[in-house]
Amino acid sequence: MKKLILIFTILISFGIVNAQWYHTKYGVTNINELTKEQCDLALQKANKTISFGKEMTVGGSGVLIIGAIVYGRGLIKIDRSPAASGQGVIEVVSGAFLIGVGTIITCIGVPLWIRGKKHESQIEIALVKFKDTSYFPSVGLKITF
């Protein structure tokens, strides 16, 4: 129960810290108060966070899969030959280590990816006000009474 409360507290604090990232970074209370240059810079940082999160997620998943394969091979060696169980134990321990490392890397990459996408969507909405609108000059008739 204590671990569950600790995990819940960490998740809530992570959400609170990232709730208004533009306030701590740029000192504004509303994201629509950012200038175009600030939005462009924040969008670049968000895209870097997204790509780093993707790389960590994919890399961590790869390490996790390799660890599972090594772990499984070690279990097979232990099961087939009791004489070669020393080598199997080494592979099981190595596989378990790789599974743990892969899980940690993936668990770091996924929130980064999510946070980057969240920031990107907020920034793209804020950038809409800086986009030029379509203007088609035309001849009109103005009548006043």
Foldseek 3Di string as FASTA:
>chain_A
DVVVVVVVVVVVVVCVCLVCVCCVVPVDPDPLPDDPVVLVVLLVVLVVLQVQLVVLQVVLVVLLVVLVVLLVVLVVQVVPDVVCNVVSVVSNVSSVVSNVSSVVSNVVSVVSNVSSVVSNVVSVVSCVVVDDDDDDDDDDDDDDD
